[in-house]
Amino acid sequence: MSSIPPISTGSSKLDALKQNVAAAGPKKLSGVDLYSRFAFAGAVCCSLTHGGLTPVDVVKTRIQLDPVTYNRGLIGGFRQIIAKDGASALLTGAGPTFAGYFLQGAFKFGGYEYFKQQSISLLGYETAANNRTAVYLASAACAEFFADIALCPLEATRIRLVSEPTFANGLIGGMSKIYKQEGLGAFYSGFGPILFKQVPYTMAKFAVMEKMVEFTYGNLVDKATASGAMQTGVNLGSGVIAGFAAAIVSQPADTMLSKINKTKGLPGEGTTSRLIKIAKELGLRGSYSGIGARLFMVGTLTAGQFAIYGDIKKALGAVGGVEIAK
């Protein structure tokens, strides 16, 4: 006589039906199989969105570095750059952007999912669910720290290429020249500002996104019956709001990062003293130079990121992560 399954309905026919339904559903993944898919989806969504918005990023960076010259807003900035340097200048730094954000996206999204799961395991599901905002914020901060280690050298190269169009020809040439002239430390001169920028940015981005998705599915859309297109639309709409919040929180540090990577420091001048000097020169108003261009850029790319990320996860069968939203 066969034994009854551990979780049984008391009916062998119903138990068999349950097993068939479970077998027909998507396989739950875990470990490397799951998190490598999260990382790949994050790498693709970040590299595509940041790379695709390279022209906007060029305009935003020029406004931050030289607000006196580039003082006509986003559209005026496009016109000024094209008139001065040609349309090709709008793609300056595309190589470092694609490469840098591919690496950063893998660590950011894969790391966020990993640290969220570790928080749930550490706290227990109920405690994590009751304190989910803190879980979102802590997981995002941890993931972004490691993502920035990967991003920083490529971001330093991108900013140098944008601020000095004749500095080098592309990613490899730019990195080689910086290393030869200034040493390895030059790639991480902006590590403090990039953490100051990216950690609050990512914390706001993921926490607001999670809250918006929770609100939408809890009040406006039935997730159980939502089509794939509807789910993508929810990700897009939530991503726009998350992007705006992230941009406003991180704008001062973004401006300082552009400034500190524009040129090398004076002999004997440390990163901290340079940051203090830049902050004094900028003031609060100056630190928000280029905010219009950045709101447009970050809102667009964040919406695109979460939409692409969600679709790639589904395509890869990346199911198995634990959700703590109500």
C-alpha atoms as a PDB file:
ATOM      1  CA  MET A   1       0.000   0.000   0.000  1.00  0.00           C
ATOM      2  CA  SER A   2       1.493   3.383  -1.038  1.00  0.00           C
ATOM      3  CA  SER A   3       1.911   6.029   1.600  1.00  0.00           C
ATOM      4  CA  ILE A   4      -0.113   9.246   1.570  1.00  0.00           C
ATOM      5  CA  PRO A   5       1.896  12.332   0.397  1.00  0.00           C
ATOM      6  CA  PRO A   6       3.196  14.529   3.273  1.00  0.00           C
ATOM      7  CA  ILE A   7       0.720  17.312   2.376  1.00  0.00           C
ATOM      8  CA  SER A   8      -2.422  15.402   1.551  1.00  0.00           C
ATOM      9  CA  THR A   9      -6.029  16.293   0.914  1.00  0.00           C
ATOM     10  CA  GLY A  10      -7.057  12.852   2.144  1.00  0.00           C
ATOM     11  CA  SER A  11      -8.013  11.837  -1.394  1.00  0.00           C
ATOM     12  CA  SER A  12      -5.533  10.051  -3.644  1.00  0.00           C
ATOM     13  CA  LYS A  13      -7.255  11.477  -6.746  1.00  0.00           C
ATOM     14  CA  LEU A  14      -7.008  15.054  -5.489  1.00  0.00           C
ATOM     15  CA  ASP A  15      -3.412  14.497  -4.408  1.00  0.00           C
ATOM     16  CA  ALA A  16      -2.555  13.245  -7.883  1.00  0.00           C
ATOM     17  CA  LEU A  17      -4.316  16.262  -9.432  1.00  0.00           C
ATOM     18  CA  LYS A  18      -2.330  18.640  -7.199  1.00  0.00           C
ATOM     19  CA  GLN A  19       0.931  16.976  -8.205  1.00  0.00           C
ATOM     20  CA  ASN A  20       0.064  17.293 -11.889  1.00  0.00           C
ATOM     21  CA  VAL A  21      -0.779  20.985 -11.516  1.00  0.00           C
ATOM     22  CA  ALA A  22       2.474  21.610  -9.635  1.00  0.00           C
ATOM     23  CA  ALA A  23       4.455  19.781 -12.317  1.00  0.00           C
ATOM     24  CA  ALA A  24       2.828  21.873 -15.058  1.00  0.00           C
ATOM     25  CA  GLY A  25       3.682  25.169 -13.350  1.00  0.00           C
ATOM     26  CA  PRO A  26       6.987  27.007 -13.669  1.00  0.00           C
ATOM     27  CA  LYS A  27       9.880  25.391 -11.885  1.00  0.00           C
ATOM     28  CA  LYS A  28      10.908  27.206  -8.724  1.00  0.00           C
ATOM     29  CA  LEU A  29      14.591  28.121  -8.904  1.00  0.00           C
ATOM     30  CA  SER A  30      17.040  28.829  -6.114  1.00  0.00           C
ATOM     31  CA  GLY A  31      20.699  29.563  -5.494  1.00  0.00           C
ATOM     32  CA  VAL A  32      22.979  30.347  -8.432  1.00  0.00           C
ATOM     33  CA  ASP A  33      20.312  29.303 -10.967  1.00  0.00           C
ATOM     34  CA  LEU A  34      17.953  31.971  -9.656  1.00  0.00           C
ATOM     35  CA  TYR A  35      20.308  34.838  -8.814  1.00  0.00           C
ATOM     36  CA  SER A  36      22.330  34.547 -12.018  1.00  0.00           C
ATOM     37  CA  ARG A  37      19.077  35.136 -13.899  1.00  0.00           C
ATOM     38  CA  PHE A  38      18.272  38.147 -11.734  1.00  0.00           C
ATOM     39  CA  ALA A  39      21.785  39.485 -12.361  1.00  0.00           C
ATOM     40  CA  PHE A  40      21.595  38.971 -16.128  1.00  0.00           C
ATOM     41  CA  ALA A  41      18.173  40.630 -16.349  1.00  0.00           C
ATOM     42  CA  GLY A  42      19.507  43.566 -14.316  1.00  0.00           C
ATOM     43  CA  ALA A  43      22.631  43.856 -16.466  1.00  0.00           C
ATOM     44  CA  VAL A  44      20.626  43.975 -19.688  1.00  0.00           C
ATOM     45  CA  CYS A  45      17.993  46.420 -18.457  1.00  0.00           C
ATOM     46  CA  CYS A  46      20.566  48.868 -17.056  1.00  0.00           C
ATOM     47  CA  SER A  47      22.956  48.787 -20.017  1.00  0.00           C
ATOM     48  CA  LEU A  48      20.154  49.230 -22.558  1.00  0.00           C
ATOM     49  CA  THR A  49      18.438  52.088 -20.740  1.00  0.00           C
ATOM     50  CA  HIS A  50      21.553  54.008 -19.702  1.00  0.00           C
ATOM     51  CA  GLY A  51      23.202  53.402 -23.068  1.00  0.00           C
ATOM     52  CA  GLY A  52      20.097  54.470 -24.957  1.00  0.00           C
ATOM     53  CA  LEU A  53      19.946  57.707 -22.985  1.00  0.00           C
ATOM     54  CA  THR A  54      23.616  58.587 -23.536  1.00  0.00           C
ATOM     55  CA  PRO A  55      22.716  61.809 -25.461  1.00  0.00           C
ATOM     56  CA  VAL A  56      20.583  63.060 -22.551  1.00  0.00           C
ATOM     57  CA  ASP A  57      23.371  62.160 -20.117  1.00  0.00           C
ATOM     58  CA  VAL A  58      25.890  64.109 -22.225  1.00  0.00           C
ATOM     59  CA  VAL A  59      23.681  67.216 -22.104  1.00  0.00           C
ATOM     60  CA  LYS A  60      23.048  66.792 -18.373  1.00  0.00           C
ATOM     61  CA  THR A  61      26.769  66.415 -17.641  1.00  0.00           C
ATOM     62  CA  ARG A  62      27.707  69.473 -19.747  1.00  0.00           C
ATOM     63  CA  ILE A  63      25.095  71.551 -17.874  1.00  0.00           C
ATOM     64  CA  GLN A  64      26.509  70.406 -14.522  1.00  0.00           C
ATOM     65  CA  LEU A  65      30.111  71.087 -15.520  1.00  0.00           C
ATOM     66  CA  ASP A  66      29.562  74.408 -17.292  1.00  0.00           C
ATOM     67  CA  PRO A  67      26.187  75.916 -16.331  1.00  0.00           C
ATOM     68  CA  VAL A  68      27.238  79.376 -17.555  1.00  0.00           C
ATOM     69  CA  THR A  69      27.639  78.159 -21.145  1.00  0.00           C
ATOM     70  CA  TYR A  70      24.930  75.504 -21.154  1.00  0.00           C
ATOM     71  CA  ASN A  71      22.117  77.570 -19.680  1.00  0.00           C
ATOM     72  CA  ARG A  72      19.264  76.896 -22.094  1.00  0.00           C
ATOM     73  CA  GLY A  73      17.788  73.731 -20.599  1.00  0.00           C
ATOM     74  CA  LEU A  74      17.642  70.247 -22.058  1.00  0.00           C
ATOM     75  CA  ILE A  75      16.534  71.076 -25.623  1.00  0.00           C
ATOM     76  CA  GLY A  76      18.780  74.121 -25.805  1.00  0.00           C
ATOM     77  CA  GLY A  77      21.681  72.003 -24.560  1.00  0.00           C
ATOM     78  CA  PHE A  78      21.167  69.532 -27.400  1.00  0.00           C
ATOM     79  CA  ARG A  79      21.261  72.370 -29.910  1.00  0.00           C
ATOM     80  CA  GLN A  80      24.370  73.937 -28.382  1.00  0.00           C
ATOM     81  CA  ILE A  81      26.345  70.676 -28.385  1.00  0.00           C
ATOM     82  CA  ILE A  82      25.356  69.818 -31.962  1.00  0.00           C
ATOM     83  CA  ALA A  83      26.258  73.328 -33.154  1.00  0.00           C
ATOM     84  CA  LYS A  84      29.605  73.274 -31.367  1.00  0.00           C
ATOM     85  CA  ASP A  85      30.826  69.682 -31.653  1.00  0.00           C
ATOM     86  CA  GLY A  86      28.494  67.951 -34.102  1.00  0.00           C
ATOM     87  CA  ALA A  87      25.775  65.366 -33.553  1.00  0.00           C
ATOM     88  CA  SER A  88      28.320  62.615 -32.877  1.00  0.00           C
ATOM     89  CA  ALA A  89      29.300  64.395 -29.647  1.00  0.00           C
ATOM     90  CA  LEU A  90      25.968  63.300 -28.176  1.00  0.00           C
ATOM     91  CA  LEU A  91      27.270  59.716 -28.153  1.00  0.00           C
ATOM     92  CA  THR A  92      30.442  60.596 -26.257  1.00  0.00           C
ATOM     93  CA  GLY A  93      31.045  58.064 -23.499  1.00  0.00           C
ATOM     94  CA  ALA A  94      28.619  55.478 -24.912  1.00  0.00           C
ATOM     95  CA  GLY A  95      31.193  52.682 -24.511  1.00  0.00           C
ATOM     96  CA  PRO A  96      31.847  53.252 -20.801  1.00  0.00           C
ATOM     97  CA  THR A  97      28.122  53.751 -20.258  1.00  0.00           C
ATOM     98  CA  PHE A  98      27.101  50.411 -21.777  1.00  0.00           C
ATOM     99  CA  ALA A  99      29.939  48.504 -20.102  1.00  0.00           C
ATOM    100  CA  GLY A 100      29.704  50.233 -16.728  1.00  0.00           C
ATOM    101  CA  TYR A 101      25.974  49.874 -16.329  1.00  0.00           C
ATOM    102  CA  PHE A 102      25.996  46.275 -17.552  1.00  0.00           C
ATOM    103  CA  LEU A 103      28.243  45.439 -14.600  1.00  0.00           C
ATOM    104  CA  GLN A 104      26.420  47.741 -12.216  1.00  0.00           C
ATOM    105  CA  GLY A 105      23.017  46.396 -13.211  1.00  0.00           C
ATOM    106  CA  ALA A 106      24.093  42.825 -12.551  1.00  0.00           C
ATOM    107  CA  PHE A 107      25.303  43.664  -9.048  1.00  0.00           C
ATOM    108  CA  LYS A 108      22.435  46.069  -8.312  1.00  0.00           C
ATOM    109  CA  PHE A 109      19.436  43.962  -9.304  1.00  0.00           C
ATOM    110  CA  GLY A 110      20.952  40.572  -8.544  1.00  0.00           C
ATOM    111  CA  GLY A 111      22.344  41.876  -5.268  1.00  0.00           C
ATOM    112  CA  TYR A 112      19.051  43.472  -4.269  1.00  0.00           C
ATOM    113  CA  GLU A 113      17.185  40.191  -4.731  1.00  0.00           C
ATOM    114  CA  TYR A 114      19.921  38.313  -2.871  1.00  0.00           C
ATOM    115  CA  PHE A 115      20.111  40.663   0.107  1.00  0.00           C
ATOM    116  CA  LYS A 116      16.324  40.855   0.321  1.00  0.00           C
ATOM    117  CA  GLN A 117      16.178  37.079   0.570  1.00  0.00           C
ATOM    118  CA  GLN A 118      18.949  37.048   3.195  1.00  0.00           C
ATOM    119  CA  SER A 119      17.056  39.643   5.230  1.00  0.00           C
ATOM    120  CA  ILE A 120      13.917  37.518   5.105  1.00  0.00           C
ATOM    121  CA  SER A 121      15.888  34.435   6.173  1.00  0.00           C
ATOM    122  CA  LEU A 122      17.535  36.359   9.016  1.00  0.00           C
ATOM    123  CA  LEU A 123      14.436  38.099  10.341  1.00  0.00           C
ATOM    124  CA  GLY A 124      11.816  35.510   9.544  1.00  0.00           C
ATOM    125  CA  TYR A 125       9.021  36.035   7.038  1.00  0.00           C
ATOM    126  CA  GLU A 126       6.521  37.714   9.365  1.00  0.00           C
ATOM    127  CA  THR A 127       9.021  40.164  10.860  1.00  0.00           C
ATOM    128  CA  ALA A 128      10.410  40.988   7.410  1.00  0.00           C
ATOM    129  CA  ALA A 129       6.910  41.569   6.032  1.00  0.00           C
ATOM    130  CA  ASN A 130       6.014  43.865   8.923  1.00  0.00           C
ATOM    131  CA  ASN A 131       9.246  45.834   8.414  1.00  0.00           C
ATOM    132  CA  ARG A 132       9.437  45.504   4.655  1.00  0.00           C
ATOM    133  CA  THR A 133      10.358  49.127   3.952  1.00  0.00           C
ATOM    134  CA  ALA A 134      13.471  48.730   6.104  1.00  0.00           C
ATOM    135  CA  VAL A 135      14.236  45.458   4.293  1.00  0.00           C
ATOM    136  CA  TYR A 136      13.922  47.182   0.905  1.00  0.00           C
ATOM    137  CA  LEU A 137      16.162  50.071   1.951  1.00  0.00           C
ATOM    138  CA  ALA A 138      18.873  47.920   3.552  1.00  0.00           C
ATOM    139  CA  SER A 139      18.926  45.426   0.680  1.00  0.00           C
ATOM    140  CA  ALA A 140      19.221  48.207  -1.889  1.00  0.00           C
ATOM    141  CA  ALA A 141      22.044  49.914   0.027  1.00  0.00           C
ATOM    142  CA  CYS A 142      24.082  46.703   0.315  1.00  0.00           C
ATOM    143  CA  ALA A 143      23.598  45.839  -3.349  1.00  0.00           C
ATOM    144  CA  GLU A 144      24.538  49.322  -4.525  1.00  0.00           C
ATOM    145  CA  PHE A 145      27.773  49.371  -2.525  1.00  0.00           C
ATOM    146  CA  PHE A 146      29.131  46.413  -4.470  1.00  0.00           C
ATOM    147  CA  ALA A 147      27.666  47.681  -7.736  1.00  0.00           C
ATOM    148  CA  ASP A 148      29.547  50.961  -7.351  1.00  0.00           C
ATOM    149  CA  ILE A 149      32.881  49.202  -6.954  1.00  0.00           C
ATOM    150  CA  ALA A 150      32.330  47.816 -10.444  1.00  0.00           C
ATOM    151  CA  LEU A 151      30.901  51.030 -11.905  1.00  0.00           C
ATOM    152  CA  CYS A 152      33.286  53.675 -10.573  1.00  0.00           C
ATOM    153  CA  PRO A 153      36.238  53.268 -13.020  1.00  0.00           C
ATOM    154  CA  LEU A 154      33.948  53.287 -16.037  1.00  0.00           C
ATOM    155  CA  GLU A 155      31.938  56.251 -14.778  1.00  0.00           C
ATOM    156  CA  ALA A 156      35.147  58.222 -14.173  1.00  0.00           C
ATOM    157  CA  THR A 157      36.202  57.490 -17.759  1.00  0.00           C
ATOM    158  CA  ARG A 158      32.800  58.471 -19.140  1.00  0.00           C
ATOM    159  CA  ILE A 159      32.773  61.822 -17.369  1.00  0.00           C
ATOM    160  CA  ARG A 160      36.322  62.605 -18.516  1.00  0.00           C
ATOM    161  CA  LEU A 161      35.374  61.849 -22.144  1.00  0.00           C
ATOM    162  CA  VAL A 162      32.245  64.001 -21.952  1.00  0.00           C
ATOM    163  CA  SER A 163      33.968  66.935 -20.255  1.00  0.00           C
ATOM    164  CA  GLU A 164      37.023  66.745 -22.566  1.00  0.00           C
ATOM    165  CA  PRO A 165      35.866  65.417 -25.964  1.00  0.00           C
ATOM    166  CA  THR A 166      39.454  65.349 -27.273  1.00  0.00           C
ATOM    167  CA  PHE A 167      40.833  63.514 -24.212  1.00  0.00           C
ATOM    168  CA  ALA A 168      40.811  60.058 -25.801  1.00  0.00           C
ATOM    169  CA  ASN A 169      39.125  57.920 -28.416  1.00  0.00           C
ATOM    170  CA  GLY A 170      36.668  55.715 -26.590  1.00  0.00           C
ATOM    171  CA  LEU A 171      36.602  53.475 -23.532  1.00  0.00           C
ATOM    172  CA  ILE A 172      39.931  51.636 -23.821  1.00  0.00           C
ATOM    173  CA  GLY A 173      41.852  54.724 -24.845  1.00  0.00           C
ATOM    174  CA  GLY A 174      40.314  56.786 -22.050  1.00  0.00           C
ATOM    175  CA  MET A 175      40.996  54.229 -19.329  1.00  0.00           C
ATOM    176  CA  SER A 176      44.560  53.671 -20.527  1.00  0.00           C
ATOM    177  CA  LYS A 177      45.313  57.397 -20.570  1.00  0.00           C
ATOM    178  CA  ILE A 178      43.872  58.012 -17.104  1.00  0.00           C
ATOM    179  CA  TYR A 179      45.847  55.060 -15.700  1.00  0.00           C
ATOM    180  CA  LYS A 180      49.131  56.170 -17.304  1.00  0.00           C
ATOM    181  CA  GLN A 181      48.785  59.825 -16.350  1.00  0.00           C
ATOM    182  CA  GLU A 182      47.154  59.609 -12.933  1.00  0.00           C
ATOM    183  CA  GLY A 183      47.400  56.035 -11.690  1.00  0.00           C
ATOM    184  CA  LEU A 184      44.840  53.515 -10.496  1.00  0.00           C
ATOM    185  CA  GLY A 185      43.591  55.778  -7.706  1.00  0.00           C
ATOM    186  CA  ALA A 186      42.169  58.236 -10.241  1.00  0.00           C
ATOM    187  CA  PHE A 187      39.464  55.746 -11.166  1.00  0.00           C
ATOM    188  CA  TYR A 188      38.202  55.824  -7.579  1.00  0.00           C
ATOM    189  CA  SER A 189      38.622  59.530  -6.814  1.00  0.00           C
ATOM    190  CA  GLY A 190      34.870  59.787  -7.210  1.00  0.00           C
ATOM    191  CA  PHE A 191      34.030  56.677  -5.160  1.00  0.00           C
ATOM    192  CA  GLY A 192      32.827  58.734  -2.183  1.00  0.00           C
ATOM    193  CA  PRO A 193      30.542  60.914  -4.307  1.00  0.00           C
ATOM    194  CA  ILE A 194      29.305  57.937  -6.309  1.00  0.00           C
ATOM    195  CA  LEU A 195      28.314  56.166  -3.079  1.00  0.00           C
ATOM    196  CA  PHE A 196      26.754  59.378  -1.792  1.00  0.00           C
ATOM    197  CA  LYS A 197      24.823  59.605  -5.057  1.00  0.00           C
ATOM    198  CA  GLN A 198      24.011  55.999  -5.905  1.00  0.00           C
ATOM    199  CA  VAL A 199      23.200  54.519  -2.493  1.00  0.00           C
ATOM    200  CA  PRO A 200      20.368  56.989  -1.666  1.00  0.00           C
ATOM    201  CA  TYR A 201      19.334  56.843  -5.335  1.00  0.00           C
ATOM    202  CA  THR A 202      18.997  53.058  -5.299  1.00  0.00           C
ATOM    203  CA  MET A 203      17.364  52.978  -1.880  1.00  0.00           C
ATOM    204  CA  ALA A 204      14.695  55.426  -3.068  1.00  0.00           C
ATOM    205  CA  LYS A 205      14.378  53.659  -6.412  1.00  0.00           C
ATOM    206  CA  PHE A 206      13.669  50.178  -5.065  1.00  0.00           C
ATOM    207  CA  ALA A 207      11.662  51.202  -1.997  1.00  0.00           C
ATOM    208  CA  VAL A 208       9.357  53.537  -3.939  1.00  0.00           C
ATOM    209  CA  MET A 209       9.023  50.977  -6.731  1.00  0.00           C
ATOM    210  CA  GLU A 210       8.051  48.232  -4.277  1.00  0.00           C
ATOM    211  CA  LYS A 211       5.528  50.522  -2.570  1.00  0.00           C
ATOM    212  CA  MET A 212       3.981  51.679  -5.852  1.00  0.00           C
ATOM    213  CA  VAL A 213       3.620  48.111  -7.117  1.00  0.00           C
ATOM    214  CA  GLU A 214       2.111  47.065  -3.779  1.00  0.00           C
ATOM    215  CA  PHE A 215      -0.353  49.964  -3.901  1.00  0.00           C
ATOM    216  CA  THR A 216      -1.333  49.309  -7.512  1.00  0.00           C
ATOM    217  CA  TYR A 217      -1.967  45.595  -7.064  1.00  0.00           C
ATOM    218  CA  GLY A 218      -3.646  46.173  -3.732  1.00  0.00           C
ATOM    219  CA  ASN A 219      -6.047  48.875  -4.918  1.00  0.00           C
ATOM    220  CA  LEU A 220      -6.209  49.234  -8.693  1.00  0.00           C
ATOM    221  CA  VAL A 221      -5.283  45.996 -10.463  1.00  0.00           C
ATOM    222  CA  ASP A 222      -5.896  42.343  -9.634  1.00  0.00           C
ATOM    223  CA  LYS A 223      -2.465  40.774 -10.091  1.00  0.00           C
ATOM    224  CA  ALA A 224      -3.909  37.261 -10.335  1.00  0.00           C
ATOM    225  CA  THR A 225      -5.829  38.147 -13.490  1.00  0.00           C
ATOM    226  CA  ALA A 226      -3.551  40.876 -14.904  1.00  0.00           C
ATOM    227  CA  SER A 227      -2.232  40.201 -18.401  1.00  0.00           C
ATOM    228  CA  GLY A 228       1.460  40.328 -19.232  1.00  0.00           C
ATOM    229  CA  ALA A 229       0.965  43.704 -20.909  1.00  0.00           C
ATOM    230  CA  MET A 230      -0.834  45.035 -17.834  1.00  0.00           C
ATOM    231  CA  GLN A 231       1.996  43.866 -15.557  1.00  0.00           C
ATOM    232  CA  THR A 232       4.525  45.587 -17.822  1.00  0.00           C
ATOM    233  CA  GLY A 233       2.398  48.738 -17.661  1.00  0.00           C
ATOM    234  CA  VAL A 234       2.364  48.612 -13.859  1.00  0.00           C
ATOM    235  CA  ASN A 235       6.164  48.316 -13.872  1.00  0.00           C
ATOM    236  CA  LEU A 236       6.453  51.280 -16.245  1.00  0.00           C
ATOM    237  CA  GLY A 237       4.148  53.558 -14.268  1.00  0.00           C
ATOM    238  CA  SER A 238       5.671  52.638 -10.921  1.00  0.00           C
ATOM    239  CA  GLY A 239       9.143  53.022 -12.377  1.00  0.00           C
ATOM    240  CA  VAL A 240       8.503  56.606 -13.492  1.00  0.00           C
ATOM    241  CA  ILE A 241       7.509  57.670  -9.973  1.00  0.00           C
ATOM    242  CA  ALA A 242      10.413  55.731  -8.447  1.00  0.00           C
ATOM    243  CA  GLY A 243      12.781  57.408 -10.897  1.00  0.00           C
ATOM    244  CA  PHE A 244      11.597  60.908 -10.013  1.00  0.00           C
ATOM    245  CA  ALA A 245      12.063  60.213  -6.305  1.00  0.00           C
ATOM    246  CA  ALA A 246      15.530  58.745  -6.876  1.00  0.00           C
ATOM    247  CA  ALA A 247      16.637  61.669  -9.062  1.00  0.00           C
ATOM    248  CA  ILE A 248      15.611  64.340  -6.549  1.00  0.00           C
ATOM    249  CA  VAL A 249      17.304  62.535  -3.646  1.00  0.00           C
ATOM    250  CA  SER A 250      20.599  61.991  -5.462  1.00  0.00           C
ATOM    251  CA  GLN A 251      20.971  65.121  -7.620  1.00  0.00           C
ATOM    252  CA  PRO A 252      23.461  67.050  -5.399  1.00  0.00           C
ATOM    253  CA  ALA A 253      25.861  64.100  -5.284  1.00  0.00           C
ATOM    254  CA  ASP A 254      25.481  63.548  -9.032  1.00  0.00           C
ATOM    255  CA  THR A 255      26.589  67.123  -9.674  1.00  0.00           C
ATOM    256  CA  MET A 256      29.574  66.746  -7.310  1.00  0.00           C
ATOM    257  CA  LEU A 257      30.549  63.502  -9.020  1.00  0.00           C
ATOM    258  CA  SER A 258      30.623  65.235 -12.394  1.00  0.00           C
ATOM    259  CA  LYS A 259      32.712  68.068 -10.963  1.00  0.00           C
ATOM    260  CA  ILE A 260      35.290  65.885  -9.195  1.00  0.00           C
ATOM    261  CA  ASN A 261      35.847  63.691 -12.250  1.00  0.00           C
ATOM    262  CA  LYS A 262      36.166  66.625 -14.649  1.00  0.00           C
ATOM    263  CA  THR A 263      39.811  67.272 -13.806  1.00  0.00           C
ATOM    264  CA  LYS A 264      42.463  65.815 -11.535  1.00  0.00           C
ATOM    265  CA  GLY A 265      43.065  67.364  -8.133  1.00  0.00           C
ATOM    266  CA  LEU A 266      45.877  69.691  -7.186  1.00  0.00           C
ATOM    267  CA  PRO A 267      49.102  68.153  -5.800  1.00  0.00           C
ATOM    268  CA  GLY A 268      48.479  66.988  -2.233  1.00  0.00           C
ATOM    269  CA  GLU A 269      44.760  67.707  -2.407  1.00  0.00           C
ATOM    270  CA  GLY A 270      42.689  64.848  -0.990  1.00  0.00           C
ATOM    271  CA  THR A 271      39.261  63.719  -2.139  1.00  0.00           C
ATOM    272  CA  THR A 272      37.535  64.964   1.019  1.00  0.00           C
ATOM    273  CA  SER A 273      38.980  68.455   0.753  1.00  0.00           C
ATOM    274  CA  ARG A 274      38.052  68.563  -2.934  1.00  0.00           C
ATOM    275  CA  LEU A 275      34.468  67.579  -2.124  1.00  0.00           C
ATOM    276  CA  ILE A 276      34.167  70.243   0.570  1.00  0.00           C
ATOM    277  CA  LYS A 277      35.508  72.877  -1.817  1.00  0.00           C
ATOM    278  CA  ILE A 278      33.138  71.803  -4.612  1.00  0.00           C
ATOM    279  CA  ALA A 279      30.143  71.808  -2.235  1.00  0.00           C
ATOM    280  CA  LYS A 280      30.947  75.350  -1.097  1.00  0.00           C
ATOM    281  CA  GLU A 281      31.333  76.549  -4.679  1.00  0.00           C
ATOM    282  CA  LEU A 282      28.055  74.970  -5.803  1.00  0.00           C
ATOM    283  CA  GLY A 283      25.714  75.826  -2.966  1.00  0.00           C
ATOM    284  CA  LEU A 284      22.246  74.273  -2.826  1.00  0.00           C
ATOM    285  CA  ARG A 285      21.014  75.881  -6.028  1.00  0.00           C
ATOM    286  CA  GLY A 286      24.136  74.963  -7.966  1.00  0.00           C
ATOM    287  CA  SER A 287      23.942  71.361  -6.803  1.00  0.00           C
ATOM    288  CA  TYR A 288      20.621  71.054  -8.625  1.00  0.00           C
ATOM    289  CA  SER A 289      21.984  72.250 -11.983  1.00  0.00           C
ATOM    290  CA  GLY A 290      20.615  70.020 -14.725  1.00  0.00           C
ATOM    291  CA  ILE A 291      17.755  68.673 -12.597  1.00  0.00           C
ATOM    292  CA  GLY A 292      15.256  69.017 -15.452  1.00  0.00           C
ATOM    293  CA  ALA A 293      17.353  66.896 -17.789  1.00  0.00           C
ATOM    294  CA  ARG A 294      18.017  64.395 -15.024  1.00  0.00           C
ATOM    295  CA  LEU A 295      14.348  64.038 -14.031  1.00  0.00           C
ATOM    296  CA  PHE A 296      13.522  63.247 -17.633  1.00  0.00           C
ATOM    297  CA  MET A 297      16.460  60.891 -17.958  1.00  0.00           C
ATOM    298  CA  VAL A 298      16.054  59.048 -14.660  1.00  0.00           C
ATOM    299  CA  GLY A 299      12.271  58.802 -14.861  1.00  0.00           C
ATOM    300  CA  THR A 300      12.513  57.340 -18.357  1.00  0.00           C
ATOM    301  CA  LEU A 301      15.337  54.925 -17.688  1.00  0.00           C
ATOM    302  CA  THR A 302      13.935  53.702 -14.356  1.00  0.00           C
ATOM    303  CA  ALA A 303      10.573  52.956 -15.946  1.00  0.00           C
ATOM    304  CA  GLY A 304      12.329  51.176 -18.788  1.00  0.00           C
ATOM    305  CA  GLN A 305      14.582  49.256 -16.419  1.00  0.00           C
ATOM    306  CA  PHE A 306      11.793  47.783 -14.325  1.00  0.00           C
ATOM    307  CA  ALA A 307       9.694  46.950 -17.390  1.00  0.00           C
ATOM    308  CA  ILE A 308      12.605  45.210 -19.150  1.00  0.00           C
ATOM    309  CA  TYR A 309      13.760  43.563 -15.929  1.00  0.00           C
ATOM    310  CA  GLY A 310      10.316  42.103 -15.275  1.00  0.00           C
ATOM    311  CA  ASP A 311       9.943  40.824 -18.841  1.00  0.00           C
ATOM    312  CA  ILE A 312      13.411  39.245 -18.940  1.00  0.00           C
ATOM    313  CA  LYS A 313      12.834  37.563 -15.583  1.00  0.00           C
ATOM    314  CA  LYS A 314       9.650  36.018 -16.913  1.00  0.00           C
ATOM    315  CA  ALA A 315      11.368  34.930 -20.140  1.00  0.00           C
ATOM    316  CA  LEU A 316      14.194  33.292 -18.175  1.00  0.00           C
ATOM    317  CA  GLY A 317      11.825  31.594 -15.754  1.00  0.00           C
ATOM    318  CA  ALA A 318      13.381  33.493 -12.833  1.00  0.00           C
ATOM    319  CA  VAL A 319      10.680  32.582 -10.320  1.00  0.00           C
ATOM    320  CA  GLY A 320      11.295  31.508  -6.779  1.00  0.00           C
ATOM    321  CA  GLY A 321      12.161  34.738  -4.996  1.00  0.00           C
ATOM    322  CA  VAL A 322      10.176  35.432  -1.832  1.00  0.00           C
ATOM    323  CA  GLU A 323       7.861  38.461  -1.827  1.00  0.00           C
ATOM    324  CA  ILE A 324       6.915  40.261   1.384  1.00  0.00           C
ATOM    325  CA  ALA A 325       4.481  42.846   0.029  1.00  0.00           C
ATOM    326  CA  LYS A 326       1.024  42.716   1.570  1.00  0.00           C
END
